[in-house]
Amino acid sequence: MAVRCRNATRRRSSSVKMAAPLATYTKEEQRSVIRFLSSEGAKPIEIHRRMKVQYGDACLSLQQVYGWTRKFMNGIGSVTDSPGPGQAHRVVTPEAIAAVEATVKENRRVTVNEIAAHLDMSHGSAHHIVRDKK
């Protein structure tokens, strides 16, 4: 006669059956899962374990899960990346294009550095206008 342990039976009956692993997903979707589970009080290690089942090798690392959990607990609600340091966005307006064209019409031998200094814009923006907006 086999003896069954009550706890073993309970564990099997209370286990959650997972759906098939997800084929397509984004980082933002994974971060949303982290946000949801952390709001329920799940610990980062448990969140990572559950996500690893669904996302496989493409799952965010445990360190990333800890980081995002910390952010959400500190009140950050957005799941998108904030812009980091790096090259600034180049804004070329019609007014800037007209000013560069007027400067070049006055003196065809003006340099890009002179244009940038005269119009108070970056060298890159001035070069972009001179090169591409002919």
Protein backbone atom coordinates (compact mmCIF):
# COMPACT_ATOMS: atom_id res chain seq x y z
CA MET A 1 0.00 0.00 0.00
CA ALA A 2 1.46 3.32 -1.10
CA VAL A 3 1.36 6.21 1.31
CA ARG A 4 0.77 9.63 -0.18
CA CYS A 5 1.87 12.81 1.43
CA ARG A 6 -0.83 15.45 1.70
CA ASN A 7 1.54 18.31 0.87
CA ALA A 8 2.73 16.65 -2.34
CA THR A 9 -0.87 16.28 -3.49
CA ARG A 10 -1.60 19.90 -2.70
CA ARG A 11 1.44 21.11 -4.58
CA ARG A 12 0.40 19.28 -7.71
CA SER A 13 -3.17 20.48 -7.58
CA SER A 14 -2.22 24.08 -6.87
CA SER A 15 0.38 24.33 -9.63
CA VAL A 16 -0.46 26.76 -12.39
CA LYS A 17 -0.41 25.45 -15.92
CA MET A 18 1.37 27.92 -18.18
CA ALA A 19 0.34 28.75 -21.70
CA ALA A 20 2.68 28.14 -24.60
CA PRO A 21 5.74 30.43 -24.66
CA LEU A 22 5.17 33.74 -26.41
CA ALA A 23 6.53 34.04 -29.94
CA THR A 24 6.51 37.83 -30.28
CA TYR A 25 6.89 40.47 -27.61
CA THR A 26 8.61 43.76 -26.88
CA LYS A 27 10.73 45.03 -24.01
CA GLU A 28 7.84 47.27 -23.04
CA GLU A 29 5.52 44.25 -22.76
CA GLN A 30 8.01 42.50 -20.50
CA ARG A 31 8.34 45.64 -18.38
CA SER A 32 4.54 45.80 -18.12
CA VAL A 33 4.56 42.27 -16.75
CA ILE A 34 7.20 43.32 -14.20
CA ARG A 35 5.10 46.35 -13.25
CA PHE A 36 1.97 44.25 -12.81
CA LEU A 37 3.58 41.46 -10.80
CA SER A 38 5.58 43.84 -8.61
CA SER A 39 2.37 45.76 -7.82
CA GLU A 40 0.94 42.46 -6.58
CA GLY A 41 3.91 42.11 -4.23
CA ALA A 42 5.87 39.47 -6.13
CA LYS A 43 9.61 39.49 -5.49
CA PRO A 44 11.96 40.14 -8.43
CA ILE A 45 13.38 36.61 -8.35
CA GLU A 46 9.86 35.16 -8.66
CA ILE A 47 8.97 37.60 -11.43
CA HIS A 48 12.10 36.60 -13.35
CA ARG A 49 11.39 32.90 -12.87
CA ARG A 50 7.84 33.28 -14.21
CA MET A 51 8.94 35.42 -17.13
CA LYS A 52 11.74 33.00 -18.06
CA VAL A 53 9.10 30.32 -18.64
CA GLN A 54 7.22 32.52 -21.12
CA TYR A 55 9.99 34.47 -22.82
CA GLY A 56 12.77 31.88 -22.75
CA ASP A 57 16.26 33.11 -23.63
CA ALA A 58 14.92 36.50 -24.75
CA CYS A 59 13.72 37.27 -21.22
CA LEU A 60 15.10 40.34 -19.51
CA SER A 61 18.00 39.50 -17.19
CA LEU A 62 17.51 39.14 -13.46
CA GLN A 63 19.46 42.37 -12.95
CA GLN A 64 17.08 44.21 -15.32
CA VAL A 65 14.06 42.78 -13.49
CA TYR A 66 15.49 44.03 -10.18
CA GLY A 67 16.14 47.46 -11.73
CA TRP A 68 12.68 47.85 -13.21
CA THR A 69 11.02 46.57 -10.03
CA ARG A 70 12.94 49.21 -8.06
CA LYS A 71 11.87 51.93 -10.53
CA PHE A 72 8.21 50.95 -10.31
CA MET A 73 8.31 50.80 -6.51
CA ASN A 74 9.87 54.31 -6.48
CA GLY A 75 6.94 55.72 -8.42
CA ILE A 76 8.13 55.60 -12.03
CA GLY A 77 5.16 54.37 -14.04
CA SER A 78 6.45 54.46 -17.61
CA VAL A 79 7.67 51.24 -19.22
CA THR A 80 9.53 53.06 -21.99
CA ASP A 81 13.19 54.00 -21.92
CA SER A 82 13.96 57.57 -21.09
CA PRO A 83 16.28 59.23 -23.58
CA GLY A 84 19.86 58.77 -22.52
CA PRO A 85 22.87 60.92 -23.13
CA GLY A 86 24.19 60.98 -26.64
CA GLN A 87 23.90 62.90 -29.84
CA ALA A 88 21.26 65.60 -29.65
CA HIS A 89 18.35 65.54 -32.04
CA ARG A 90 18.90 67.75 -35.06
CA VAL A 91 16.05 70.14 -35.61
CA VAL A 92 16.07 71.77 -39.01
CA THR A 93 13.25 74.26 -39.36
CA PRO A 94 12.15 76.09 -42.50
CA GLU A 95 13.33 79.33 -40.85
CA ALA A 96 16.83 77.91 -40.33
CA ILE A 97 16.95 76.70 -43.93
CA ALA A 98 15.92 80.15 -45.20
CA ALA A 99 18.54 81.84 -42.99
CA VAL A 100 21.30 79.54 -44.24
CA GLU A 101 20.25 80.09 -47.85
CA ALA A 102 20.27 83.86 -47.34
CA THR A 103 23.73 83.72 -45.77
CA VAL A 104 25.09 81.62 -48.64
CA LYS A 105 23.53 83.99 -51.23
CA GLU A 106 25.31 86.92 -49.59
CA ASN A 107 28.68 85.16 -49.71
CA ARG A 108 29.11 81.95 -51.71
CA ARG A 109 32.53 81.37 -50.12
CA VAL A 110 31.26 81.30 -46.53
CA THR A 111 32.27 78.21 -44.53
CA VAL A 112 29.98 75.93 -42.58
CA ASN A 113 31.67 77.04 -39.35
CA GLU A 114 30.97 80.68 -40.19
CA ILE A 115 27.33 79.88 -40.99
CA ALA A 116 26.97 78.02 -37.69
CA ALA A 117 28.53 80.86 -35.69
CA HIS A 118 26.56 83.59 -37.49
CA LEU A 119 23.18 81.81 -37.06
CA ASP A 120 23.93 80.38 -33.59
CA MET A 121 23.42 76.73 -34.59
CA SER A 122 25.54 73.62 -34.41
CA HIS A 123 28.09 72.81 -37.07
CA GLY A 124 26.19 69.59 -37.80
CA SER A 125 22.88 71.34 -38.40
CA ALA A 126 24.52 73.92 -40.65
CA HIS A 127 26.31 71.19 -42.58
CA HIS A 128 23.11 69.19 -42.91
CA ILE A 129 21.24 72.17 -44.39
CA VAL A 130 24.05 73.11 -46.78
CA ARG A 131 24.56 69.53 -47.94
CA ASP A 132 20.98 68.26 -48.19
CA LYS A 133 18.75 71.31 -48.74
CA LYS A 134 20.15 72.67 -52.00
